[in-house]
N, C-alpha and C. Protein backbone atom coordinates (compact mmCIF):
# COMPACT_ATOMS: atom_id res chain seq x y z
N MET A 1 22.79 128.88 134.18
CA MET A 1 23.14 128.11 135.32
C MET A 1 23.20 126.63 134.93
N LYS A 2 24.23 125.96 135.43
CA LYS A 2 24.34 124.52 135.18
C LYS A 2 23.34 123.76 136.04
N LYS A 3 22.99 122.64 135.52
CA LYS A 3 22.15 121.69 136.23
C LYS A 3 23.02 120.51 136.57
N VAL A 4 22.67 119.81 137.67
CA VAL A 4 23.53 118.72 138.14
C VAL A 4 22.74 117.41 138.08
N ALA A 5 23.30 116.44 137.38
CA ALA A 5 22.74 115.10 137.38
C ALA A 5 23.42 114.36 138.54
N ILE A 6 22.63 113.81 139.44
CA ILE A 6 23.20 113.12 140.58
C ILE A 6 22.70 111.69 140.61
N GLY A 7 23.50 110.85 141.28
CA GLY A 7 23.09 109.45 141.45
C GLY A 7 23.95 108.80 142.50
N SER A 8 23.51 107.66 142.93
CA SER A 8 24.26 106.91 143.95
C SER A 8 23.92 105.44 143.88
N ASP A 9 24.82 104.65 144.41
CA ASP A 9 24.44 103.26 144.75
C ASP A 9 24.10 103.28 146.24
N HIS A 10 23.88 102.11 146.81
CA HIS A 10 23.49 102.04 148.22
C HIS A 10 24.60 102.56 149.15
N GLY A 11 25.85 102.43 148.74
CA GLY A 11 26.99 102.93 149.56
C GLY A 11 27.08 104.44 149.61
N GLY A 12 26.52 105.12 148.63
CA GLY A 12 26.57 106.58 148.60
C GLY A 12 25.21 107.22 148.80
N TYR A 13 24.18 106.42 149.02
CA TYR A 13 22.80 106.91 149.11
C TYR A 13 22.66 107.98 150.20
N GLU A 14 23.13 107.71 151.41
CA GLU A 14 22.92 108.67 152.50
C GLU A 14 23.60 109.99 152.23
N LEU A 15 24.82 109.93 151.67
CA LEU A 15 25.54 111.18 151.35
C LEU A 15 24.83 111.93 150.26
N LYS A 16 24.35 111.26 149.25
CA LYS A 16 23.60 111.93 148.15
C LYS A 16 22.39 112.63 148.71
N GLU A 17 21.65 111.92 149.54
CA GLU A 17 20.45 112.52 150.12
C GLU A 17 20.78 113.73 150.98
N ALA A 18 21.86 113.66 151.73
CA ALA A 18 22.28 114.77 152.60
C ALA A 18 22.67 116.00 151.77
N LEU A 19 23.21 115.78 150.56
CA LEU A 19 23.67 116.89 149.74
C LEU A 19 22.64 117.48 148.77
N LYS A 20 21.51 116.84 148.65
CA LYS A 20 20.47 117.38 147.73
C LYS A 20 20.01 118.76 148.17
N GLY A 21 19.74 118.94 149.42
CA GLY A 21 19.34 120.23 149.94
C GLY A 21 20.43 121.27 149.82
N TYR A 22 21.65 120.82 149.97
CA TYR A 22 22.80 121.74 149.85
C TYR A 22 22.91 122.24 148.41
N LEU A 23 22.74 121.35 147.42
CA LEU A 23 22.73 121.80 146.02
C LEU A 23 21.71 122.89 145.79
N THR A 24 20.52 122.68 146.35
CA THR A 24 19.46 123.69 146.25
C THR A 24 19.88 125.00 146.91
N GLU A 25 20.47 124.91 148.09
CA GLU A 25 21.00 126.10 148.78
C GLU A 25 22.00 126.88 147.92
N LEU A 26 22.84 126.14 147.22
CA LEU A 26 23.83 126.79 146.36
C LEU A 26 23.25 127.33 145.08
N GLY A 27 21.96 127.05 144.82
CA GLY A 27 21.31 127.60 143.66
C GLY A 27 21.34 126.70 142.43
N TYR A 28 21.64 125.42 142.65
CA TYR A 28 21.66 124.47 141.51
C TYR A 28 20.41 123.66 141.47
N GLU A 29 19.95 123.37 140.26
CA GLU A 29 18.89 122.43 140.04
C GLU A 29 19.54 121.05 139.89
N TYR A 30 18.87 120.02 140.33
CA TYR A 30 19.44 118.66 140.18
C TYR A 30 18.38 117.71 139.68
N LEU A 31 18.88 116.69 138.98
CA LEU A 31 18.06 115.58 138.52
C LEU A 31 18.62 114.32 139.15
N ASP A 32 17.83 113.62 139.96
CA ASP A 32 18.30 112.48 140.71
C ASP A 32 17.94 111.20 139.97
N PHE A 33 19.01 110.46 139.56
CA PHE A 33 18.85 109.20 138.85
C PHE A 33 18.81 107.99 139.78
N GLY A 34 18.71 108.19 141.06
CA GLY A 34 18.64 107.10 142.00
C GLY A 34 20.00 106.84 142.64
N CYS A 35 20.03 105.92 143.51
CA CYS A 35 18.97 104.99 143.92
C CYS A 35 18.02 105.69 144.89
N LYS A 36 16.96 105.01 145.23
CA LYS A 36 15.90 105.62 146.02
C LYS A 36 15.89 105.24 147.48
N ASN A 37 16.76 104.31 147.87
CA ASN A 37 16.92 103.92 149.26
C ASN A 37 18.26 103.24 149.43
N ASN A 38 18.58 102.73 150.57
CA ASN A 38 19.91 102.12 150.80
C ASN A 38 19.92 100.60 150.58
N GLU A 39 18.95 100.08 149.82
CA GLU A 39 19.00 98.66 149.46
C GLU A 39 20.02 98.48 148.33
N SER A 40 20.65 97.34 148.28
CA SER A 40 21.73 97.07 147.33
C SER A 40 21.28 97.25 145.89
N VAL A 41 22.07 98.03 145.13
CA VAL A 41 21.89 98.21 143.72
C VAL A 41 23.28 98.15 143.06
N ASP A 42 23.30 98.01 141.77
CA ASP A 42 24.56 97.94 141.02
C ASP A 42 24.98 99.34 140.54
N TYR A 43 26.10 99.82 141.05
CA TYR A 43 26.56 101.16 140.71
C TYR A 43 26.70 101.42 139.20
N PRO A 44 27.07 100.41 138.37
CA PRO A 44 27.18 100.73 136.93
C PRO A 44 25.89 101.23 136.31
N ASP A 45 24.77 100.74 136.78
CA ASP A 45 23.47 101.14 136.21
C ASP A 45 23.23 102.64 136.46
N ILE A 46 23.46 103.06 137.69
CA ILE A 46 23.21 104.47 138.03
C ILE A 46 24.27 105.39 137.46
N ALA A 47 25.53 104.99 137.53
CA ALA A 47 26.59 105.81 136.97
C ALA A 47 26.40 106.01 135.49
N PHE A 48 25.92 104.97 134.77
CA PHE A 48 25.64 105.14 133.34
C PHE A 48 24.59 106.21 133.12
N LEU A 49 23.51 106.21 133.89
CA LEU A 49 22.47 107.22 133.70
C LEU A 49 22.97 108.62 133.93
N VAL A 50 23.79 108.81 134.99
CA VAL A 50 24.35 110.13 135.25
C VAL A 50 25.27 110.55 134.13
N GLY A 51 26.17 109.67 133.70
CA GLY A 51 27.09 109.98 132.65
C GLY A 51 26.43 110.22 131.32
N GLU A 52 25.41 109.44 130.98
CA GLU A 52 24.64 109.64 129.74
C GLU A 52 23.99 111.00 129.72
N CYS A 53 23.43 111.39 130.85
CA CYS A 53 22.79 112.70 130.94
C CYS A 53 23.78 113.81 130.64
N VAL A 54 24.98 113.74 131.25
CA VAL A 54 26.02 114.75 131.07
C VAL A 54 26.51 114.75 129.60
N ALA A 55 26.72 113.53 129.06
CA ALA A 55 27.26 113.45 127.71
C ALA A 55 26.31 113.97 126.64
N THR A 56 25.04 113.91 126.91
CA THR A 56 24.04 114.31 125.92
C THR A 56 23.36 115.68 126.18
N ASN A 57 23.69 116.29 127.30
CA ASN A 57 23.05 117.54 127.69
C ASN A 57 24.15 118.52 128.18
N PRO A 58 24.53 119.48 127.34
CA PRO A 58 25.63 120.40 127.71
C PRO A 58 25.31 121.28 128.90
N ASP A 59 24.06 121.40 129.30
CA ASP A 59 23.71 122.18 130.48
C ASP A 59 24.01 121.48 131.80
N TYR A 60 24.35 120.19 131.71
CA TYR A 60 24.51 119.39 132.93
C TYR A 60 25.98 119.05 133.20
N VAL A 61 26.30 119.06 134.52
CA VAL A 61 27.45 118.36 135.02
C VAL A 61 26.90 117.27 135.93
N GLY A 62 27.75 116.37 136.39
CA GLY A 62 27.25 115.26 137.21
C GLY A 62 28.00 115.00 138.47
N ILE A 63 27.36 114.43 139.43
CA ILE A 63 28.01 113.97 140.67
C ILE A 63 27.48 112.59 140.99
N MET A 64 28.39 111.67 141.13
CA MET A 64 28.04 110.28 141.46
C MET A 64 28.62 109.95 142.84
N PHE A 65 27.76 109.34 143.69
CA PHE A 65 28.15 108.94 145.02
C PHE A 65 28.05 107.42 145.09
N ASP A 66 29.17 106.72 145.24
CA ASP A 66 29.09 105.29 145.52
C ASP A 66 29.94 105.07 146.78
N GLY A 67 30.17 103.78 147.09
CA GLY A 67 30.88 103.48 148.33
C GLY A 67 32.23 104.14 148.44
N VAL A 68 33.04 103.98 147.40
CA VAL A 68 34.39 104.53 147.37
C VAL A 68 34.60 105.60 146.30
N GLY A 69 33.83 105.51 145.22
CA GLY A 69 33.94 106.46 144.12
C GLY A 69 34.63 105.87 142.91
N VAL A 70 35.47 104.88 143.12
CA VAL A 70 36.30 104.32 142.06
C VAL A 70 35.49 103.56 141.01
N GLY A 71 34.58 102.71 141.45
CA GLY A 71 33.79 101.90 140.49
C GLY A 71 33.00 102.80 139.57
N SER A 72 32.31 103.78 140.11
CA SER A 72 31.53 104.71 139.29
C SER A 72 32.45 105.52 138.36
N GLY A 73 33.60 105.90 138.86
CA GLY A 73 34.55 106.59 138.01
C GLY A 73 34.94 105.79 136.79
N MET A 74 35.11 104.49 136.98
CA MET A 74 35.48 103.61 135.86
C MET A 74 34.37 103.57 134.84
N VAL A 75 33.12 103.46 135.31
CA VAL A 75 31.99 103.42 134.40
C VAL A 75 31.86 104.74 133.66
N LEU A 76 31.94 105.85 134.39
CA LEU A 76 31.75 107.15 133.77
C LEU A 76 32.73 107.39 132.65
N ASN A 77 33.94 106.95 132.81
CA ASN A 77 34.98 107.21 131.80
C ASN A 77 34.90 106.26 130.62
N LYS A 78 33.91 105.37 130.58
CA LYS A 78 33.65 104.55 129.41
C LYS A 78 32.68 105.27 128.47
N ILE A 79 32.03 106.32 128.96
CA ILE A 79 30.97 107.02 128.20
C ILE A 79 31.63 108.15 127.40
N PRO A 80 31.53 108.09 126.09
CA PRO A 80 32.11 109.17 125.28
C PRO A 80 31.56 110.56 125.67
N GLY A 81 32.48 111.47 125.85
CA GLY A 81 32.10 112.83 126.24
C GLY A 81 32.15 113.08 127.72
N VAL A 82 32.30 112.05 128.52
CA VAL A 82 32.41 112.20 129.96
C VAL A 82 33.88 112.22 130.39
N ARG A 83 34.20 113.15 131.26
CA ARG A 83 35.51 113.18 131.86
C ARG A 83 35.27 113.11 133.38
N GLY A 84 35.22 111.89 133.88
CA GLY A 84 34.89 111.67 135.28
C GLY A 84 36.16 111.70 136.15
N ALA A 85 36.01 112.33 137.31
CA ALA A 85 37.14 112.47 138.26
C ALA A 85 36.71 111.88 139.59
N VAL A 86 37.53 110.96 140.08
CA VAL A 86 37.34 110.38 141.43
C VAL A 86 38.21 111.27 142.35
N CYS A 87 37.56 111.93 143.31
CA CYS A 87 38.27 112.87 144.18
C CYS A 87 37.95 112.61 145.63
N TRP A 88 38.99 112.85 146.48
CA TRP A 88 38.83 112.68 147.94
C TRP A 88 39.19 113.93 148.72
N ASP A 89 39.82 114.92 148.07
CA ASP A 89 40.23 116.11 148.79
C ASP A 89 40.14 117.36 147.91
N LEU A 90 40.33 118.50 148.51
CA LEU A 90 40.16 119.75 147.76
C LEU A 90 41.14 119.93 146.62
N SER A 91 42.37 119.45 146.82
CA SER A 91 43.39 119.58 145.74
C SER A 91 42.97 118.82 144.53
N SER A 92 42.51 117.57 144.71
CA SER A 92 42.09 116.78 143.55
C SER A 92 40.85 117.33 142.90
N VAL A 93 39.93 117.88 143.65
CA VAL A 93 38.72 118.49 143.09
C VAL A 93 39.09 119.71 142.24
N ILE A 94 39.93 120.57 142.75
CA ILE A 94 40.33 121.76 141.99
C ILE A 94 41.09 121.35 140.73
N ASN A 95 42.00 120.43 140.86
CA ASN A 95 42.78 120.00 139.69
C ASN A 95 41.86 119.38 138.63
N SER A 96 40.88 118.60 139.08
CA SER A 96 40.00 117.91 138.12
C SER A 96 39.25 118.89 137.23
N LYS A 97 38.92 120.06 137.76
CA LYS A 97 38.22 121.08 136.95
C LYS A 97 39.20 122.01 136.25
N GLU A 98 40.16 122.58 136.98
CA GLU A 98 41.07 123.57 136.40
C GLU A 98 41.91 123.00 135.29
N HIS A 99 42.47 121.80 135.49
CA HIS A 99 43.39 121.21 134.54
C HIS A 99 42.78 120.21 133.61
N ASN A 100 41.73 119.51 134.05
CA ASN A 100 41.20 118.40 133.26
C ASN A 100 39.79 118.59 132.78
N ASN A 101 39.16 119.72 133.13
CA ASN A 101 37.78 120.04 132.69
C ASN A 101 36.81 118.90 132.96
N ALA A 102 36.94 118.27 134.12
CA ALA A 102 36.03 117.18 134.48
C ALA A 102 34.59 117.64 134.45
N ASN A 103 33.73 116.81 133.92
CA ASN A 103 32.31 117.18 133.90
C ASN A 103 31.45 116.26 134.79
N VAL A 104 32.09 115.26 135.41
CA VAL A 104 31.41 114.46 136.40
C VAL A 104 32.38 114.20 137.59
N LEU A 105 31.89 114.40 138.77
CA LEU A 105 32.65 114.15 140.00
C LEU A 105 32.16 112.85 140.63
N SER A 106 33.06 111.97 141.02
CA SER A 106 32.68 110.72 141.71
C SER A 106 33.33 110.70 143.06
N ILE A 107 32.52 110.58 144.12
CA ILE A 107 33.09 110.55 145.46
C ILE A 107 32.49 109.38 146.25
N GLY A 108 33.25 108.98 147.26
CA GLY A 108 32.90 107.81 148.06
C GLY A 108 32.11 108.16 149.31
N GLY A 109 30.89 107.71 149.34
CA GLY A 109 30.01 107.95 150.49
C GLY A 109 30.42 107.27 151.74
N GLN A 110 31.21 106.20 151.62
CA GLN A 110 31.62 105.49 152.83
C GLN A 110 32.96 106.03 153.40
N PHE A 111 33.58 106.99 152.69
CA PHE A 111 34.86 107.53 153.13
C PHE A 111 34.86 109.01 153.33
N ILE A 112 33.89 109.68 152.74
CA ILE A 112 33.83 111.14 152.85
C ILE A 112 32.67 111.54 153.73
N GLY A 113 32.91 112.32 154.78
CA GLY A 113 31.84 112.81 155.62
C GLY A 113 31.07 113.92 154.98
N GLU A 114 29.93 114.25 155.53
CA GLU A 114 29.06 115.25 154.95
C GLU A 114 29.71 116.62 154.88
N GLY A 115 30.42 117.01 155.89
CA GLY A 115 31.08 118.34 155.87
C GLY A 115 32.08 118.47 154.79
N LEU A 116 32.98 117.48 154.66
CA LEU A 116 33.96 117.51 153.58
C LEU A 116 33.29 117.37 152.22
N ALA A 117 32.27 116.54 152.13
CA ALA A 117 31.55 116.39 150.86
C ALA A 117 30.98 117.74 150.40
N LYS A 118 30.42 118.48 151.31
CA LYS A 118 29.88 119.82 150.97
C LYS A 118 30.99 120.72 150.41
N GLN A 119 32.16 120.70 151.06
CA GLN A 119 33.29 121.49 150.58
C GLN A 119 33.71 121.06 149.22
N LEU A 120 33.80 119.74 148.99
CA LEU A 120 34.24 119.21 147.70
C LEU A 120 33.27 119.59 146.60
N VAL A 121 32.00 119.38 146.87
CA VAL A 121 30.95 119.67 145.83
C VAL A 121 30.92 121.16 145.51
N LYS A 122 30.94 122.01 146.53
CA LYS A 122 30.89 123.46 146.27
C LYS A 122 32.11 123.90 145.50
N THR A 123 33.26 123.45 145.93
CA THR A 123 34.51 123.85 145.22
C THR A 123 34.49 123.34 143.81
N TRP A 124 34.09 122.11 143.60
CA TRP A 124 34.09 121.52 142.27
C TRP A 124 33.13 122.29 141.36
N LEU A 125 31.93 122.59 141.85
CA LEU A 125 30.95 123.30 141.03
C LEU A 125 31.39 124.74 140.70
N GLU A 126 32.18 125.36 141.60
CA GLU A 126 32.56 126.75 141.41
C GLU A 126 33.90 126.93 140.74
N THR A 127 34.64 125.86 140.54
CA THR A 127 35.94 125.95 139.89
C THR A 127 35.79 125.90 138.39
N ASP A 128 36.47 126.85 137.73
CA ASP A 128 36.43 126.91 136.26
C ASP A 128 37.61 126.24 135.64
N PHE A 129 37.46 125.79 134.41
CA PHE A 129 38.54 125.24 133.62
C PHE A 129 39.51 126.37 133.27
N ALA A 130 40.81 126.14 133.48
CA ALA A 130 41.80 127.15 133.25
C ALA A 130 42.11 127.37 131.78
N GLY A 131 41.87 126.38 130.96
CA GLY A 131 42.16 126.52 129.52
C GLY A 131 43.66 126.56 129.27
N GLY A 132 44.08 127.34 128.28
CA GLY A 132 45.47 127.46 127.97
C GLY A 132 46.14 126.14 127.65
N ARG A 133 47.29 125.87 128.25
CA ARG A 133 48.01 124.60 127.99
C ARG A 133 47.17 123.37 128.34
N HIS A 134 46.24 123.56 129.30
CA HIS A 134 45.40 122.47 129.73
C HIS A 134 44.38 122.11 128.67
N ASP A 135 43.90 123.09 127.91
CA ASP A 135 42.97 122.83 126.83
C ASP A 135 43.59 121.89 125.78
N ARG A 136 44.86 122.09 125.47
CA ARG A 136 45.56 121.21 124.55
C ARG A 136 45.55 119.77 125.05
N ARG A 137 45.73 119.61 126.33
CA ARG A 137 45.83 118.25 126.89
C ARG A 137 44.45 117.58 126.98
N VAL A 138 43.44 118.36 127.34
CA VAL A 138 42.09 117.82 127.33
C VAL A 138 41.67 117.43 125.93
N THR A 139 42.04 118.25 124.95
CA THR A 139 41.75 117.91 123.56
C THR A 139 42.40 116.57 123.16
N LYS A 140 43.61 116.37 123.64
CA LYS A 140 44.31 115.10 123.35
C LYS A 140 43.57 113.91 123.97
N VAL A 141 43.09 114.07 125.19
CA VAL A 141 42.31 113.04 125.85
C VAL A 141 41.09 112.71 125.01
N MET A 142 40.38 113.72 124.56
CA MET A 142 39.18 113.50 123.77
C MET A 142 39.50 112.90 122.40
N GLU A 143 40.64 113.24 121.84
CA GLU A 143 41.06 112.60 120.58
C GLU A 143 41.35 111.13 120.76
N ILE A 144 41.98 110.80 121.84
CA ILE A 144 42.20 109.37 122.15
C ILE A 144 40.91 108.63 122.29
N GLU A 145 39.95 109.25 123.01
CA GLU A 145 38.63 108.64 123.14
C GLU A 145 37.98 108.40 121.80
N SER A 146 38.11 109.38 120.89
CA SER A 146 37.43 109.27 119.58
C SER A 146 37.97 108.11 118.75
N ARG A 147 39.20 107.66 119.00
CA ARG A 147 39.76 106.52 118.28
C ARG A 147 39.00 105.21 118.56
N PHE A 148 38.30 105.18 119.67
CA PHE A 148 37.66 103.95 120.10
C PHE A 148 36.12 104.00 119.93
N ILE A 149 35.61 105.12 119.41
CA ILE A 149 34.18 105.21 119.16
C ILE A 149 33.88 104.60 117.83
N LYS A 150 32.96 103.64 117.84
CA LYS A 150 32.56 102.96 116.59
C LYS A 150 31.67 103.90 115.79
N ARG A 151 31.96 103.96 114.52
CA ARG A 151 31.19 104.85 113.64
C ARG A 151 30.21 104.06 112.85
């Protein structure tokens, strides 16, 4: 079973907290990297921790909740080994896993309600990578990333 690294900034805190019990209901273990309340924090700090966990632990996928999802998505995609997807609907969630093998989901706590967030998270966690022609493309993405990794 996969484990889920989760985190939020203040804009996604309430949604993250609402979904923690749901992750447990679905049978997933989670590791919460913060934040711990709705006081202002910097999303790059938390997104980095979630992304680092996923990049260094193959048993983990990640979910980041910030105000809109975009800022955390930008941070996540700076971390080698992370394929972060900013998603707002079921089609983008499915595509992010089936076609792009995303290993971190970033969603906006100020734009996504709890009901839709539950659908997105469940669908994302249960969707498998399709492989095939998509594997070739994901490999190319990772090869591009490797060109910028300092050795």
